[in-house]
Amino acid sequence: MNVVEQYWNDYANKMNLNIEMPAAWMFGDGSKEMGDELGQLVVKGLKTGTCSAHCVYELENEEPPKEGQYDIVLDGSNQPLAIIQYTKIELVKMNEVTPEFAKSEGEGDLSYKYWYDEHVKFFTWNLGLFNLTFSDDLLLTCQTFKVVDIASR
């Protein structure tokens, strides 16, 4: 059993959960730097929201997240940082995301402008992996979550 599975099993036993291990992933573009930076925002309680291009779930043959679902957040070295649980899932066009949601992502100066500019860059890159073009009415899956456990180090 690896460290991520052990972390989940310990949490599930402690909370008396009888569910399979959820997905374990890092925030960002897959780089160690971004995974560490965004993961620490979660641990510190500054990041309580995230979003993804809704179309990517279908392209990667994955189910979109659901309210109540758990996920394991990894750092840039693929070590467990925290377990989160989704409290709200909304489909929102990129150009209709609220300043409050943008702030919940906990990044940069917490401004809408910072969020928007950085997410244009990210989604341009992300969609480019599928030979798709970014547009400002891109449908996003906006996920609000709470941290239910922080891994001990």
N, C-alpha and C. Protein backbone atom coordinates (compact mmCIF):
# COMPACT_ATOMS: atom_id res chain seq x y z
N MET A 1 0.85 -1.18 0.00
CA MET A 1 0.00 0.00 0.00
C MET A 1 0.90 1.25 0.00
N ASN A 2 0.60 2.19 -0.89
CA ASN A 2 1.43 3.39 -0.94
C ASN A 2 0.95 4.43 0.07
N VAL A 3 1.69 5.52 0.17
CA VAL A 3 1.43 6.53 1.19
C VAL A 3 0.07 7.22 1.00
N VAL A 4 -0.36 7.39 -0.24
CA VAL A 4 -1.65 8.03 -0.51
C VAL A 4 -2.78 7.10 -0.07
N GLU A 5 -2.68 5.83 -0.43
CA GLU A 5 -3.70 4.86 -0.01
C GLU A 5 -3.76 4.75 1.51
N GLN A 6 -2.59 4.74 2.15
CA GLN A 6 -2.55 4.64 3.61
C GLN A 6 -3.21 5.86 4.25
N TYR A 7 -2.92 7.04 3.69
CA TYR A 7 -3.51 8.27 4.20
C TYR A 7 -5.04 8.18 4.11
N TRP A 8 -5.56 7.77 2.95
CA TRP A 8 -7.00 7.67 2.79
C TRP A 8 -7.58 6.62 3.75
N ASN A 9 -6.96 5.46 3.81
CA ASN A 9 -7.47 4.40 4.68
C ASN A 9 -7.51 4.83 6.14
N ASP A 10 -6.49 5.55 6.58
CA ASP A 10 -6.47 6.05 7.96
C ASP A 10 -7.63 7.02 8.18
N TYR A 11 -7.83 7.93 7.23
CA TYR A 11 -8.93 8.90 7.36
C TYR A 11 -10.29 8.20 7.32
N ALA A 12 -10.47 7.32 6.35
CA ALA A 12 -11.75 6.62 6.20
C ALA A 12 -12.08 5.80 7.45
N ASN A 13 -11.09 5.15 8.02
CA ASN A 13 -11.31 4.38 9.25
C ASN A 13 -11.70 5.30 10.41
N LYS A 14 -10.96 6.40 10.54
CA LYS A 14 -11.22 7.35 11.62
C LYS A 14 -12.63 7.93 11.53
N MET A 15 -13.10 8.17 10.30
CA MET A 15 -14.41 8.79 10.08
C MET A 15 -15.51 7.76 9.83
N ASN A 16 -15.14 6.49 9.88
CA ASN A 16 -16.10 5.40 9.66
C ASN A 16 -16.76 5.50 8.28
N LEU A 17 -15.93 5.77 7.26
CA LEU A 17 -16.42 5.86 5.88
C LEU A 17 -16.15 4.54 5.18
N ASN A 18 -17.14 4.03 4.52
CA ASN A 18 -16.99 2.79 3.79
C ASN A 18 -17.11 3.08 2.29
N ILE A 19 -16.16 3.86 1.78
CA ILE A 19 -16.16 4.22 0.35
C ILE A 19 -14.76 4.02 -0.20
N GLU A 20 -14.70 3.80 -1.50
CA GLU A 20 -13.41 3.59 -2.15
C GLU A 20 -12.56 4.85 -2.08
N MET A 21 -11.26 4.64 -2.24
CA MET A 21 -10.34 5.78 -2.24
C MET A 21 -10.71 6.72 -3.39
N PRO A 22 -10.84 8.01 -3.09
CA PRO A 22 -11.16 8.98 -4.15
C PRO A 22 -9.93 9.30 -5.00
N ALA A 23 -10.14 10.11 -6.00
CA ALA A 23 -9.04 10.55 -6.86
C ALA A 23 -8.03 11.35 -6.04
N ALA A 24 -6.78 11.19 -6.39
CA ALA A 24 -5.68 11.94 -5.76
C ALA A 24 -4.98 12.70 -6.88
N TRP A 25 -4.83 14.02 -6.70
CA TRP A 25 -4.27 14.85 -7.76
C TRP A 25 -3.67 16.13 -7.19
N MET A 26 -2.87 16.80 -8.02
CA MET A 26 -2.32 18.08 -7.61
C MET A 26 -2.96 19.19 -8.44
N PHE A 27 -3.05 20.36 -7.84
CA PHE A 27 -3.57 21.53 -8.54
C PHE A 27 -2.56 22.00 -9.56
N GLY A 28 -3.07 22.65 -10.61
CA GLY A 28 -2.20 23.36 -11.55
C GLY A 28 -1.92 22.60 -12.82
N ASP A 29 -0.75 22.86 -13.35
CA ASP A 29 -0.36 22.37 -14.66
C ASP A 29 0.48 21.09 -14.61
N GLY A 30 0.59 20.50 -13.44
CA GLY A 30 1.39 19.28 -13.30
C GLY A 30 2.82 19.54 -12.88
N SER A 31 3.21 20.82 -12.79
CA SER A 31 4.58 21.13 -12.37
C SER A 31 4.70 21.05 -10.85
N LYS A 32 5.88 20.68 -10.38
CA LYS A 32 6.12 20.60 -8.94
C LYS A 32 5.87 21.95 -8.29
N GLU A 33 6.36 23.02 -8.91
CA GLU A 33 6.23 24.35 -8.34
C GLU A 33 4.77 24.75 -8.13
N MET A 34 3.95 24.56 -9.17
CA MET A 34 2.55 24.96 -9.05
C MET A 34 1.79 24.03 -8.10
N GLY A 35 2.11 22.74 -8.14
CA GLY A 35 1.47 21.80 -7.23
C GLY A 35 1.74 22.15 -5.78
N ASP A 36 3.00 22.51 -5.49
CA ASP A 36 3.36 22.90 -4.12
C ASP A 36 2.69 24.21 -3.71
N GLU A 37 2.76 25.20 -4.60
CA GLU A 37 2.21 26.53 -4.29
C GLU A 37 0.71 26.48 -4.03
N LEU A 38 -0.03 25.86 -4.95
CA LEU A 38 -1.48 25.83 -4.80
C LEU A 38 -1.91 24.89 -3.68
N GLY A 39 -1.18 23.80 -3.50
CA GLY A 39 -1.48 22.89 -2.40
C GLY A 39 -1.33 23.56 -1.05
N GLN A 40 -0.33 24.41 -0.91
CA GLN A 40 -0.14 25.12 0.36
C GLN A 40 -1.27 26.11 0.62
N LEU A 41 -1.83 26.69 -0.45
CA LEU A 41 -2.97 27.58 -0.28
C LEU A 41 -4.17 26.82 0.30
N VAL A 42 -4.32 25.57 -0.10
CA VAL A 42 -5.39 24.72 0.44
C VAL A 42 -5.14 24.45 1.92
N VAL A 43 -3.93 24.04 2.24
CA VAL A 43 -3.57 23.71 3.63
C VAL A 43 -3.76 24.91 4.54
N LYS A 44 -3.41 26.10 4.05
CA LYS A 44 -3.53 27.33 4.85
C LYS A 44 -4.97 27.85 4.93
N GLY A 45 -5.88 27.23 4.19
CA GLY A 45 -7.28 27.66 4.22
C GLY A 45 -7.59 28.83 3.30
N LEU A 46 -6.64 29.22 2.46
CA LEU A 46 -6.85 30.36 1.56
C LEU A 46 -7.54 29.95 0.27
N LYS A 47 -7.38 28.70 -0.13
CA LYS A 47 -7.97 28.20 -1.37
C LYS A 47 -9.11 27.26 -1.02
N THR A 48 -10.33 27.69 -1.34
CA THR A 48 -11.52 26.88 -1.08
C THR A 48 -12.35 26.70 -2.35
N GLY A 49 -11.76 27.05 -3.49
CA GLY A 49 -12.44 26.90 -4.76
C GLY A 49 -11.46 26.58 -5.86
N THR A 50 -11.95 25.94 -6.89
CA THR A 50 -11.17 25.65 -8.07
C THR A 50 -12.13 25.48 -9.24
N CYS A 51 -11.59 25.51 -10.44
CA CYS A 51 -12.45 25.31 -11.60
C CYS A 51 -11.68 24.58 -12.68
N SER A 52 -12.44 23.99 -13.58
CA SER A 52 -11.85 23.28 -14.71
C SER A 52 -12.74 23.48 -15.92
N ALA A 53 -12.14 23.32 -17.08
CA ALA A 53 -12.92 23.40 -18.31
C ALA A 53 -13.84 22.18 -18.35
N HIS A 54 -15.13 22.42 -18.40
CA HIS A 54 -16.09 21.33 -18.33
C HIS A 54 -15.87 20.29 -19.44
N CYS A 55 -15.52 20.73 -20.63
CA CYS A 55 -15.35 19.83 -21.77
C CYS A 55 -14.22 18.83 -21.57
N VAL A 56 -13.26 19.16 -20.72
CA VAL A 56 -12.10 18.28 -20.52
C VAL A 56 -12.51 16.97 -19.84
N TYR A 57 -13.53 17.01 -19.00
CA TYR A 57 -13.98 15.76 -18.36
C TYR A 57 -14.37 14.74 -19.41
N GLU A 58 -15.15 15.17 -20.41
CA GLU A 58 -15.56 14.25 -21.47
C GLU A 58 -14.36 13.83 -22.30
N LEU A 59 -13.49 14.77 -22.63
CA LEU A 59 -12.32 14.45 -23.44
C LEU A 59 -11.40 13.44 -22.75
N GLU A 60 -11.33 13.51 -21.42
CA GLU A 60 -10.49 12.58 -20.67
C GLU A 60 -11.28 11.39 -20.12
N ASN A 61 -12.54 11.29 -20.53
CA ASN A 61 -13.41 10.20 -20.11
C ASN A 61 -13.50 10.08 -18.59
N GLU A 62 -13.68 11.24 -17.94
CA GLU A 62 -13.81 11.30 -16.49
C GLU A 62 -15.17 11.86 -16.11
N GLU A 63 -15.64 11.45 -14.95
CA GLU A 63 -16.88 12.01 -14.41
C GLU A 63 -16.58 13.37 -13.77
N PRO A 64 -17.41 14.37 -14.01
CA PRO A 64 -17.23 15.64 -13.29
C PRO A 64 -17.46 15.42 -11.79
N PRO A 65 -16.89 16.28 -10.96
CA PRO A 65 -17.08 16.13 -9.51
C PRO A 65 -18.52 16.36 -9.11
N LYS A 66 -18.88 15.80 -7.97
CA LYS A 66 -20.23 15.94 -7.44
C LYS A 66 -20.16 16.48 -6.01
N GLU A 67 -21.20 17.19 -5.61
CA GLU A 67 -21.27 17.68 -4.23
C GLU A 67 -21.17 16.49 -3.28
N GLY A 68 -20.42 16.68 -2.21
CA GLY A 68 -20.22 15.62 -1.22
C GLY A 68 -19.04 14.71 -1.51
N GLN A 69 -18.52 14.76 -2.72
CA GLN A 69 -17.40 13.91 -3.12
C GLN A 69 -16.12 14.33 -2.40
N TYR A 70 -15.30 13.35 -2.06
CA TYR A 70 -13.98 13.60 -1.48
C TYR A 70 -12.94 13.50 -2.57
N ASP A 71 -11.85 14.24 -2.42
CA ASP A 71 -10.65 14.10 -3.25
C ASP A 71 -9.44 14.29 -2.35
N ILE A 72 -8.32 13.75 -2.78
CA ILE A 72 -7.06 13.90 -2.05
C ILE A 72 -6.19 14.86 -2.82
N VAL A 73 -5.75 15.92 -2.16
CA VAL A 73 -4.87 16.92 -2.78
C VAL A 73 -3.43 16.51 -2.51
N LEU A 74 -2.65 16.46 -3.59
CA LEU A 74 -1.24 16.10 -3.51
C LEU A 74 -0.37 17.34 -3.67
N ASP A 75 0.85 17.28 -3.14
CA ASP A 75 1.81 18.35 -3.37
C ASP A 75 2.54 18.10 -4.69
N GLY A 76 3.51 18.92 -5.00
CA GLY A 76 4.24 18.80 -6.26
C GLY A 76 5.08 17.55 -6.38
N SER A 77 5.24 16.82 -5.28
CA SER A 77 5.99 15.55 -5.30
C SER A 77 5.04 14.35 -5.18
N ASN A 78 3.77 14.60 -5.38
CA ASN A 78 2.73 13.56 -5.31
C ASN A 78 2.58 12.94 -3.93
N GLN A 79 2.84 13.74 -2.91
CA GLN A 79 2.62 13.31 -1.53
C GLN A 79 1.32 13.93 -1.04
N PRO A 80 0.55 13.22 -0.22
CA PRO A 80 -0.74 13.75 0.22
C PRO A 80 -0.59 14.97 1.13
N LEU A 81 -1.39 15.98 0.84
CA LEU A 81 -1.44 17.21 1.65
C LEU A 81 -2.72 17.29 2.46
N ALA A 82 -3.85 16.96 1.81
CA ALA A 82 -5.15 17.16 2.47
C ALA A 82 -6.21 16.35 1.76
N ILE A 83 -7.30 16.18 2.47
CA ILE A 83 -8.52 15.61 1.88
C ILE A 83 -9.54 16.74 1.86
N ILE A 84 -10.16 16.92 0.69
CA ILE A 84 -11.19 17.94 0.54
C ILE A 84 -12.52 17.26 0.24
N GLN A 85 -13.59 18.00 0.51
CA GLN A 85 -14.93 17.53 0.17
C GLN A 85 -15.66 18.67 -0.52
N TYR A 86 -16.25 18.38 -1.67
CA TYR A 86 -16.94 19.41 -2.44
C TYR A 86 -18.26 19.78 -1.77
N THR A 87 -18.46 21.07 -1.60
CA THR A 87 -19.69 21.57 -0.98
C THR A 87 -20.63 22.20 -2.00
N LYS A 88 -20.11 22.57 -3.17
CA LYS A 88 -20.94 23.18 -4.21
C LYS A 88 -20.26 22.99 -5.56
N ILE A 89 -21.04 22.59 -6.55
CA ILE A 89 -20.56 22.43 -7.92
C ILE A 89 -21.51 23.23 -8.81
N GLU A 90 -20.93 24.11 -9.63
CA GLU A 90 -21.74 24.93 -10.53
C GLU A 90 -21.11 24.94 -11.91
N LEU A 91 -21.95 24.97 -12.94
CA LEU A 91 -21.48 25.18 -14.31
C LEU A 91 -21.66 26.66 -14.62
N VAL A 92 -20.55 27.33 -14.92
CA VAL A 92 -20.56 28.78 -15.13
C VAL A 92 -19.65 29.11 -16.31
N LYS A 93 -20.08 30.01 -17.18
CA LYS A 93 -19.20 30.47 -18.25
C LYS A 93 -18.07 31.29 -17.64
N MET A 94 -16.89 31.18 -18.22
CA MET A 94 -15.72 31.88 -17.69
C MET A 94 -16.00 33.36 -17.48
N ASN A 95 -16.65 34.01 -18.44
CA ASN A 95 -16.89 35.45 -18.33
C ASN A 95 -18.05 35.78 -17.39
N GLU A 96 -18.62 34.77 -16.71
CA GLU A 96 -19.69 35.00 -15.74
C GLU A 96 -19.30 34.57 -14.33
N VAL A 97 -18.05 34.15 -14.16
CA VAL A 97 -17.57 33.79 -12.83
C VAL A 97 -17.61 35.03 -11.96
N THR A 98 -18.07 34.89 -10.73
CA THR A 98 -18.19 36.04 -9.84
C THR A 98 -16.84 36.39 -9.20
N PRO A 99 -16.67 37.63 -8.80
CA PRO A 99 -15.47 38.02 -8.06
C PRO A 99 -15.31 37.20 -6.77
N GLU A 100 -16.41 36.83 -6.15
CA GLU A 100 -16.34 36.04 -4.91
C GLU A 100 -15.74 34.66 -5.17
N PHE A 101 -16.17 34.03 -6.28
CA PHE A 101 -15.61 32.72 -6.61
C PHE A 101 -14.13 32.87 -6.97
N ALA A 102 -13.81 33.88 -7.76
CA ALA A 102 -12.41 34.10 -8.14
C ALA A 102 -11.54 34.23 -6.89
N LYS A 103 -12.02 34.97 -5.90
CA LYS A 103 -11.29 35.15 -4.65
C LYS A 103 -11.13 33.82 -3.91
N SER A 104 -12.14 32.96 -3.99
CA SER A 104 -12.08 31.67 -3.28
C SER A 104 -10.95 30.78 -3.78
N GLU A 105 -10.43 31.08 -4.96
CA GLU A 105 -9.32 30.28 -5.48
C GLU A 105 -8.01 30.63 -4.76
N GLY A 106 -8.00 31.75 -4.04
CA GLY A 106 -6.89 32.08 -3.15
C GLY A 106 -5.58 32.46 -3.81
N GLU A 107 -5.60 32.81 -5.07
CA GLU A 107 -4.35 33.03 -5.81
C GLU A 107 -4.03 34.51 -6.02
N GLY A 108 -2.73 34.79 -6.11
CA GLY A 108 -2.27 36.14 -6.42
C GLY A 108 -2.75 37.16 -5.42
N ASP A 109 -3.24 38.31 -5.93
CA ASP A 109 -3.72 39.38 -5.05
C ASP A 109 -5.21 39.24 -4.73
N LEU A 110 -5.79 38.08 -5.09
CA LEU A 110 -7.19 37.75 -4.84
C LEU A 110 -8.17 38.56 -5.67
N SER A 111 -7.67 39.35 -6.61
CA SER A 111 -8.55 40.17 -7.45
C SER A 111 -9.13 39.34 -8.58
N TYR A 112 -10.27 39.80 -9.08
CA TYR A 112 -10.89 39.16 -10.23
C TYR A 112 -9.97 39.25 -11.44
N LYS A 113 -9.35 40.40 -11.64
CA LYS A 113 -8.47 40.59 -12.79
C LYS A 113 -7.32 39.59 -12.77
N TYR A 114 -6.69 39.41 -11.60
CA TYR A 114 -5.61 38.43 -11.51
C TYR A 114 -6.14 37.05 -11.86
N TRP A 115 -7.26 36.66 -11.25
CA TRP A 115 -7.85 35.35 -11.51
C TRP A 115 -8.11 35.17 -13.00
N TYR A 116 -8.77 36.16 -13.60
CA TYR A 116 -9.15 36.05 -15.01
C TYR A 116 -7.93 35.91 -15.90
N ASP A 117 -6.97 36.80 -15.73
CA ASP A 117 -5.77 36.77 -16.58
C ASP A 117 -5.02 35.45 -16.46
N GLU A 118 -4.85 34.95 -15.24
CA GLU A 118 -4.13 33.68 -15.03
C GLU A 118 -4.92 32.50 -15.59
N HIS A 119 -6.23 32.56 -15.48
CA HIS A 119 -7.03 31.45 -16.00
C HIS A 119 -7.14 31.47 -17.52
N VAL A 120 -7.08 32.63 -18.14
CA VAL A 120 -6.99 32.68 -19.60
C VAL A 120 -5.72 31.94 -20.03
N LYS A 121 -4.59 32.23 -19.38
CA LYS A 121 -3.33 31.54 -19.72
C LYS A 121 -3.46 30.03 -19.50
N PHE A 122 -4.00 29.65 -18.33
CA PHE A 122 -4.10 28.23 -18.01
C PHE A 122 -5.01 27.50 -18.99
N PHE A 123 -6.20 28.04 -19.25
CA PHE A 123 -7.14 27.34 -20.12
C PHE A 123 -6.69 27.36 -21.58
N THR A 124 -5.97 28.39 -21.99
CA THR A 124 -5.40 28.39 -23.34
C THR A 124 -4.44 27.22 -23.47
N TRP A 125 -3.58 27.04 -22.45
CA TRP A 125 -2.64 25.91 -22.44
C TRP A 125 -3.40 24.58 -22.36
N ASN A 126 -4.32 24.48 -21.40
CA ASN A 126 -5.05 23.23 -21.14
C ASN A 126 -5.84 22.79 -22.38
N LEU A 127 -6.57 23.68 -22.98
CA LEU A 127 -7.35 23.33 -24.17
C LEU A 127 -6.45 23.04 -25.37
N GLY A 128 -5.31 23.71 -25.42
CA GLY A 128 -4.35 23.46 -26.49
C GLY A 128 -3.88 22.01 -26.52
N LEU A 129 -3.86 21.35 -25.38
CA LEU A 129 -3.49 19.93 -25.32
C LEU A 129 -4.44 19.07 -26.14
N PHE A 130 -5.66 19.58 -26.36
CA PHE A 130 -6.69 18.86 -27.11
C PHE A 130 -6.97 19.52 -28.46
N ASN A 131 -6.07 20.42 -28.87
CA ASN A 131 -6.23 21.18 -30.11
C ASN A 131 -7.52 22.00 -30.12
N LEU A 132 -7.90 22.51 -28.96
CA LEU A 132 -9.07 23.38 -28.83
C LEU A 132 -8.60 24.79 -28.53
N THR A 133 -9.44 25.75 -28.85
CA THR A 133 -9.12 27.17 -28.66
C THR A 133 -9.93 27.73 -27.50
N PHE A 134 -9.29 28.55 -26.70
CA PHE A 134 -9.95 29.22 -25.59
C PHE A 134 -10.91 30.28 -26.10
N SER A 135 -12.05 30.41 -25.43
CA SER A 135 -12.95 31.55 -25.65
C SER A 135 -13.47 31.98 -24.28
N ASP A 136 -13.83 33.26 -24.15
CA ASP A 136 -14.21 33.76 -22.83
C ASP A 136 -15.56 33.25 -22.34
N ASP A 137 -16.30 32.54 -23.21
CA ASP A 137 -17.54 31.92 -22.75
C ASP A 137 -17.38 30.41 -22.52
N LEU A 138 -16.14 29.99 -22.31
CA LEU A 138 -15.83 28.60 -21.99
C LEU A 138 -16.63 28.17 -20.77
N LEU A 139 -17.30 27.03 -20.85
CA LEU A 139 -18.07 26.52 -19.72
C LEU A 139 -17.13 25.88 -18.71
N LEU A 140 -17.20 26.36 -17.47
CA LEU A 140 -16.36 25.86 -16.41
C LEU A 140 -17.16 25.06 -15.40
N THR A 141 -16.52 24.10 -14.80
CA THR A 141 -17.07 23.43 -13.63
C THR A 141 -16.41 24.11 -12.44
N CYS A 142 -17.17 24.91 -11.72
CA CYS A 142 -16.66 25.65 -10.55
C CYS A 142 -16.97 24.83 -9.30
N GLN A 143 -15.91 24.53 -8.55
CA GLN A 143 -16.01 23.63 -7.41
C GLN A 143 -15.62 24.36 -6.13
N THR A 144 -16.52 24.39 -5.19
CA THR A 144 -16.23 24.93 -3.87
C THR A 144 -16.04 23.74 -2.94
N PHE A 145 -15.03 23.82 -2.07
CA PHE A 145 -14.73 22.69 -1.21
C PHE A 145 -14.34 23.13 0.18
N LYS A 146 -14.36 22.18 1.08
CA LYS A 146 -13.84 22.40 2.43
C LYS A 146 -12.75 21.36 2.67
N VAL A 147 -11.77 21.74 3.48
CA VAL A 147 -10.71 20.81 3.88
C VAL A 147 -11.24 20.02 5.05
N VAL A 148 -11.25 18.70 4.93
CA VAL A 148 -11.74 17.86 6.02
C VAL A 148 -10.61 17.19 6.78
N ASP A 149 -9.39 17.20 6.19
CA ASP A 149 -8.24 16.63 6.89
C ASP A 149 -6.96 17.18 6.27
N ILE A 150 -5.98 17.43 7.11
CA ILE A 150 -4.66 17.85 6.64
C ILE A 150 -3.68 16.75 7.04
N ALA A 151 -2.90 16.31 6.08
CA ALA A 151 -1.95 15.23 6.32
C ALA A 151 -0.88 15.69 7.31
N SER A 152 -0.53 14.80 8.22
CA SER A 152 0.56 15.11 9.15
C SER A 152 1.87 14.81 8.44
N ARG A 153 2.86 15.58 8.72
CA ARG A 153 4.15 15.42 8.05
C ARG A 153 5.21 14.98 9.02
